């Protein structure tokens, strides 16, 4: 795996850890997503940065059109799996 690819994986891990810290500081995923001024926008920006690194999603700037149930599912179920896979790739 190239240094550039590893660098992107580290960035993804960093963003996942930021989201985890935001959720921890908020007390729960639900509480973090309810804060439309601070934590929800921060989470959405980190998710966007992750998506950009994977080149899988188009640019998303419409926060009000985001389905928060899907965002919650991603944080609860998807990010832990992504984090684990990133850590496995880095160790290889």
N, C-alpha and C. Protein backbone atom coordinates (compact mmCIF):
# COMPACT_ATOMS: atom_id res chain seq x y z
N UNK A 1 0.84 -1.16 0.00
CA UNK A 1 0.00 0.00 0.00
C UNK A 1 0.90 1.24 0.00
N UNK A 2 0.55 2.23 -0.80
CA UNK A 2 1.38 3.43 -0.94
C UNK A 2 1.31 4.31 0.31
N UNK A 3 2.33 5.16 0.46
CA UNK A 3 2.34 6.10 1.58
C UNK A 3 1.13 7.04 1.51
N UNK A 4 0.75 7.41 0.30
CA UNK A 4 -0.41 8.30 0.12
C UNK A 4 -1.68 7.61 0.61
N UNK A 5 -1.83 6.32 0.30
CA UNK A 5 -3.01 5.57 0.75
C UNK A 5 -3.02 5.45 2.27
N UNK A 6 -1.88 5.15 2.84
CA UNK A 6 -1.77 5.04 4.31
C UNK A 6 -2.12 6.38 4.95
N UNK A 7 -1.64 7.46 4.35
CA UNK A 7 -1.92 8.79 4.87
C UNK A 7 -3.42 9.07 4.89
N UNK A 8 -4.11 8.64 3.84
CA UNK A 8 -5.57 8.83 3.78
C UNK A 8 -6.26 8.00 4.85
N UNK A 9 -5.77 6.81 5.09
CA UNK A 9 -6.36 5.95 6.12
C UNK A 9 -6.16 6.57 7.50
N UNK A 10 -4.98 7.13 7.73
CA UNK A 10 -4.75 7.82 9.01
C UNK A 10 -5.71 9.00 9.19
N UNK A 11 -5.96 9.73 8.10
CA UNK A 11 -6.90 10.85 8.16
C UNK A 11 -8.31 10.36 8.47
N UNK A 12 -8.70 9.25 7.86
CA UNK A 12 -10.01 8.66 8.13
C UNK A 12 -10.11 8.27 9.60
N UNK A 13 -9.08 7.61 10.11
CA UNK A 13 -9.05 7.22 11.53
C UNK A 13 -9.16 8.45 12.44
N UNK A 14 -8.45 9.49 12.09
CA UNK A 14 -8.49 10.72 12.88
C UNK A 14 -9.91 11.27 12.93
N UNK A 15 -10.58 11.32 11.79
CA UNK A 15 -11.95 11.84 11.72
C UNK A 15 -12.91 10.96 12.52
N UNK A 16 -12.73 9.66 12.45
CA UNK A 16 -13.57 8.74 13.22
C UNK A 16 -13.36 9.00 14.72
N UNK A 17 -12.13 9.16 15.11
CA UNK A 17 -11.85 9.42 16.52
C UNK A 17 -12.42 10.76 16.97
N UNK A 18 -12.42 11.76 16.09
CA UNK A 18 -13.05 13.04 16.42
C UNK A 18 -14.55 12.85 16.66
N UNK A 19 -15.19 12.08 15.79
CA UNK A 19 -16.62 11.83 15.95
C UNK A 19 -16.88 11.08 17.26
N UNK A 20 -16.06 10.09 17.55
CA UNK A 20 -16.21 9.35 18.81
C UNK A 20 -16.09 10.28 20.01
N UNK A 21 -15.14 11.22 19.95
CA UNK A 21 -14.95 12.15 21.07
C UNK A 21 -16.13 13.11 21.19
N UNK A 22 -16.66 13.58 20.06
CA UNK A 22 -17.83 14.45 20.08
C UNK A 22 -19.00 13.73 20.74
N UNK A 23 -19.23 12.48 20.35
CA UNK A 23 -20.32 11.68 20.91
C UNK A 23 -20.09 11.48 22.41
N UNK A 24 -18.87 11.15 22.80
CA UNK A 24 -18.55 10.94 24.21
C UNK A 24 -18.81 12.21 25.01
N UNK A 25 -18.34 13.34 24.50
CA UNK A 25 -18.52 14.62 25.20
C UNK A 25 -19.99 15.01 25.31
N UNK A 26 -20.79 14.58 24.34
CA UNK A 26 -22.21 14.91 24.33
C UNK A 26 -23.04 13.96 25.20
N UNK A 27 -22.50 12.81 25.51
CA UNK A 27 -23.21 11.84 26.34
C UNK A 27 -23.83 10.71 25.55
N UNK A 28 -24.18 10.96 24.30
CA UNK A 28 -24.75 9.92 23.44
C UNK A 28 -24.77 10.42 22.00
N UNK A 29 -24.96 9.49 21.09
CA UNK A 29 -25.08 9.86 19.68
C UNK A 29 -26.29 10.75 19.48
N UNK A 30 -27.40 10.36 20.09
CA UNK A 30 -28.64 11.12 19.93
C UNK A 30 -28.47 12.55 20.41
N UNK A 31 -27.86 12.73 21.57
CA UNK A 31 -27.65 14.08 22.09
C UNK A 31 -26.71 14.88 21.19
N UNK A 32 -25.69 14.23 20.67
CA UNK A 32 -24.77 14.92 19.77
C UNK A 32 -25.49 15.40 18.51
N UNK A 33 -26.38 14.57 18.00
CA UNK A 33 -27.10 14.93 16.77
C UNK A 33 -28.21 15.95 17.02
N UNK A 34 -28.68 16.05 18.24
CA UNK A 34 -29.72 17.03 18.56
C UNK A 34 -29.18 18.45 18.60
N UNK A 35 -27.89 18.60 18.83
CA UNK A 35 -27.27 19.93 18.91
C UNK A 35 -27.00 20.45 17.50
N UNK A 36 -27.95 21.21 16.99
CA UNK A 36 -27.84 21.67 15.60
C UNK A 36 -26.88 22.84 15.42
N UNK A 37 -26.36 23.36 16.51
CA UNK A 37 -25.45 24.50 16.41
C UNK A 37 -23.98 24.06 16.39
N UNK A 38 -23.64 23.09 17.21
CA UNK A 38 -22.22 22.74 17.36
C UNK A 38 -21.90 21.32 16.94
N UNK A 39 -22.43 20.34 17.68
CA UNK A 39 -21.94 18.97 17.46
C UNK A 39 -22.48 18.32 16.19
N UNK A 40 -23.74 18.55 15.85
CA UNK A 40 -24.25 17.97 14.60
C UNK A 40 -23.45 18.45 13.40
N UNK A 41 -23.24 19.78 13.24
CA UNK A 41 -22.43 20.22 12.10
C UNK A 41 -21.01 19.65 12.11
N UNK A 42 -20.42 19.53 13.30
CA UNK A 42 -19.06 18.97 13.39
C UNK A 42 -19.05 17.52 12.92
N UNK A 43 -20.01 16.73 13.38
CA UNK A 43 -20.10 15.33 12.97
C UNK A 43 -20.29 15.23 11.46
N UNK A 44 -21.19 16.04 10.93
CA UNK A 44 -21.46 15.98 9.49
C UNK A 44 -20.23 16.37 8.67
N UNK A 45 -19.47 17.34 9.15
CA UNK A 45 -18.26 17.72 8.42
C UNK A 45 -17.22 16.60 8.46
N UNK A 46 -17.08 15.95 9.59
CA UNK A 46 -16.13 14.83 9.67
C UNK A 46 -16.58 13.67 8.77
N UNK A 47 -17.88 13.40 8.74
CA UNK A 47 -18.38 12.35 7.85
C UNK A 47 -18.14 12.71 6.39
N UNK A 48 -18.31 13.97 6.06
CA UNK A 48 -18.05 14.42 4.70
C UNK A 48 -16.57 14.25 4.35
N UNK A 49 -15.71 14.58 5.29
CA UNK A 49 -14.27 14.42 5.05
C UNK A 49 -13.91 12.95 4.84
N UNK A 50 -14.54 12.06 5.61
CA UNK A 50 -14.32 10.63 5.44
C UNK A 50 -14.79 10.19 4.05
N UNK A 51 -15.97 10.65 3.68
CA UNK A 51 -16.52 10.29 2.37
C UNK A 51 -15.62 10.77 1.24
N UNK A 52 -15.09 11.98 1.38
CA UNK A 52 -14.19 12.51 0.36
C UNK A 52 -12.94 11.65 0.23
N UNK A 53 -12.43 11.18 1.35
CA UNK A 53 -11.24 10.34 1.29
C UNK A 53 -11.53 9.03 0.56
N UNK A 54 -12.68 8.51 0.72
CA UNK A 54 -13.05 7.27 0.03
C UNK A 54 -13.57 7.52 -1.39
N UNK A 55 -13.78 8.76 -1.73
CA UNK A 55 -14.31 9.13 -3.05
C UNK A 55 -15.59 8.37 -3.39
N UNK A 56 -16.43 8.16 -2.39
CA UNK A 56 -17.64 7.39 -2.62
C UNK A 56 -18.89 8.24 -2.66
N UNK A 57 -18.82 9.42 -2.08
CA UNK A 57 -20.02 10.25 -2.01
C UNK A 57 -19.79 11.57 -2.72
N UNK A 58 -20.84 12.12 -3.28
CA UNK A 58 -20.76 13.45 -3.88
C UNK A 58 -20.72 14.49 -2.77
N UNK A 59 -20.31 15.68 -3.12
CA UNK A 59 -20.26 16.75 -2.12
C UNK A 59 -21.66 16.96 -1.56
N UNK A 60 -21.73 17.12 -0.25
CA UNK A 60 -23.01 17.32 0.43
C UNK A 60 -22.91 18.57 1.29
N UNK A 61 -23.70 19.55 0.96
CA UNK A 61 -23.69 20.79 1.72
C UNK A 61 -25.05 21.10 2.32
N UNK A 62 -26.03 20.27 2.06
CA UNK A 62 -27.39 20.54 2.52
C UNK A 62 -27.64 19.83 3.84
N UNK A 63 -27.21 20.44 4.94
CA UNK A 63 -27.36 19.80 6.24
C UNK A 63 -28.82 19.57 6.61
N UNK A 64 -29.70 20.48 6.21
CA UNK A 64 -31.09 20.31 6.59
C UNK A 64 -31.75 19.15 5.85
N UNK A 65 -31.18 18.73 4.74
CA UNK A 65 -31.73 17.61 4.00
C UNK A 65 -31.18 16.26 4.43
N UNK A 66 -30.32 16.26 5.42
CA UNK A 66 -29.69 15.03 5.88
C UNK A 66 -30.65 14.25 6.77
N UNK A 67 -30.74 12.96 6.53
CA UNK A 67 -31.57 12.08 7.35
C UNK A 67 -30.75 11.70 8.58
N UNK A 68 -31.11 12.27 9.74
CA UNK A 68 -30.32 12.05 10.95
C UNK A 68 -30.36 10.61 11.43
N UNK A 69 -31.42 9.88 11.09
CA UNK A 69 -31.46 8.46 11.46
C UNK A 69 -30.35 7.70 10.74
N UNK A 70 -30.09 8.07 9.50
CA UNK A 70 -29.02 7.43 8.74
C UNK A 70 -27.66 7.82 9.33
N UNK A 71 -27.50 9.10 9.68
CA UNK A 71 -26.26 9.55 10.29
C UNK A 71 -26.02 8.81 11.59
N UNK A 72 -27.07 8.65 12.40
CA UNK A 72 -26.94 7.92 13.67
C UNK A 72 -26.52 6.48 13.41
N UNK A 73 -27.12 5.83 12.42
CA UNK A 73 -26.77 4.44 12.10
C UNK A 73 -25.29 4.36 11.68
N UNK A 74 -24.85 5.33 10.88
CA UNK A 74 -23.45 5.32 10.42
C UNK A 74 -22.50 5.44 11.61
N UNK A 75 -22.81 6.36 12.55
CA UNK A 75 -21.94 6.54 13.71
C UNK A 75 -21.95 5.29 14.58
N UNK A 76 -23.12 4.73 14.78
CA UNK A 76 -23.26 3.58 15.69
C UNK A 76 -22.71 2.29 15.08
N UNK A 77 -22.95 2.07 13.80
CA UNK A 77 -22.62 0.78 13.18
C UNK A 77 -21.50 0.84 12.14
N UNK A 78 -21.50 1.87 11.32
CA UNK A 78 -20.53 1.92 10.23
C UNK A 78 -19.14 2.35 10.65
N UNK A 79 -19.06 3.43 11.44
CA UNK A 79 -17.74 3.95 11.80
C UNK A 79 -16.89 2.97 12.59
N UNK A 80 -17.44 2.24 13.55
CA UNK A 80 -16.59 1.27 14.24
C UNK A 80 -15.98 0.23 13.28
N UNK A 81 -16.76 -0.19 12.29
CA UNK A 81 -16.24 -1.15 11.30
C UNK A 81 -15.16 -0.51 10.43
N UNK A 82 -15.40 0.75 9.99
CA UNK A 82 -14.39 1.46 9.21
C UNK A 82 -13.11 1.60 10.02
N UNK A 83 -13.25 1.98 11.27
CA UNK A 83 -12.08 2.18 12.13
C UNK A 83 -11.28 0.89 12.24
N UNK A 84 -11.96 -0.21 12.48
CA UNK A 84 -11.30 -1.50 12.60
C UNK A 84 -10.56 -1.86 11.31
N UNK A 85 -11.21 -1.67 10.18
CA UNK A 85 -10.57 -2.00 8.91
C UNK A 85 -9.36 -1.12 8.64
N UNK A 86 -9.47 0.16 8.98
CA UNK A 86 -8.34 1.08 8.80
C UNK A 86 -7.15 0.63 9.65
N UNK A 87 -7.42 0.27 10.89
CA UNK A 87 -6.35 -0.18 11.77
C UNK A 87 -5.71 -1.47 11.25
N UNK A 88 -6.51 -2.37 10.71
CA UNK A 88 -5.98 -3.60 10.12
C UNK A 88 -5.09 -3.29 8.92
N UNK A 89 -5.53 -2.37 8.05
CA UNK A 89 -4.74 -2.01 6.88
C UNK A 89 -3.40 -1.38 7.26
N UNK A 90 -3.42 -0.55 8.27
CA UNK A 90 -2.19 0.10 8.70
C UNK A 90 -1.20 -0.91 9.26
N UNK A 91 -1.68 -1.92 9.94
CA UNK A 91 -0.81 -2.94 10.54
C UNK A 91 -0.18 -3.85 9.50
N UNK A 92 -0.77 -3.92 8.31
CA UNK A 92 -0.27 -4.84 7.27
C UNK A 92 1.01 -4.37 6.66
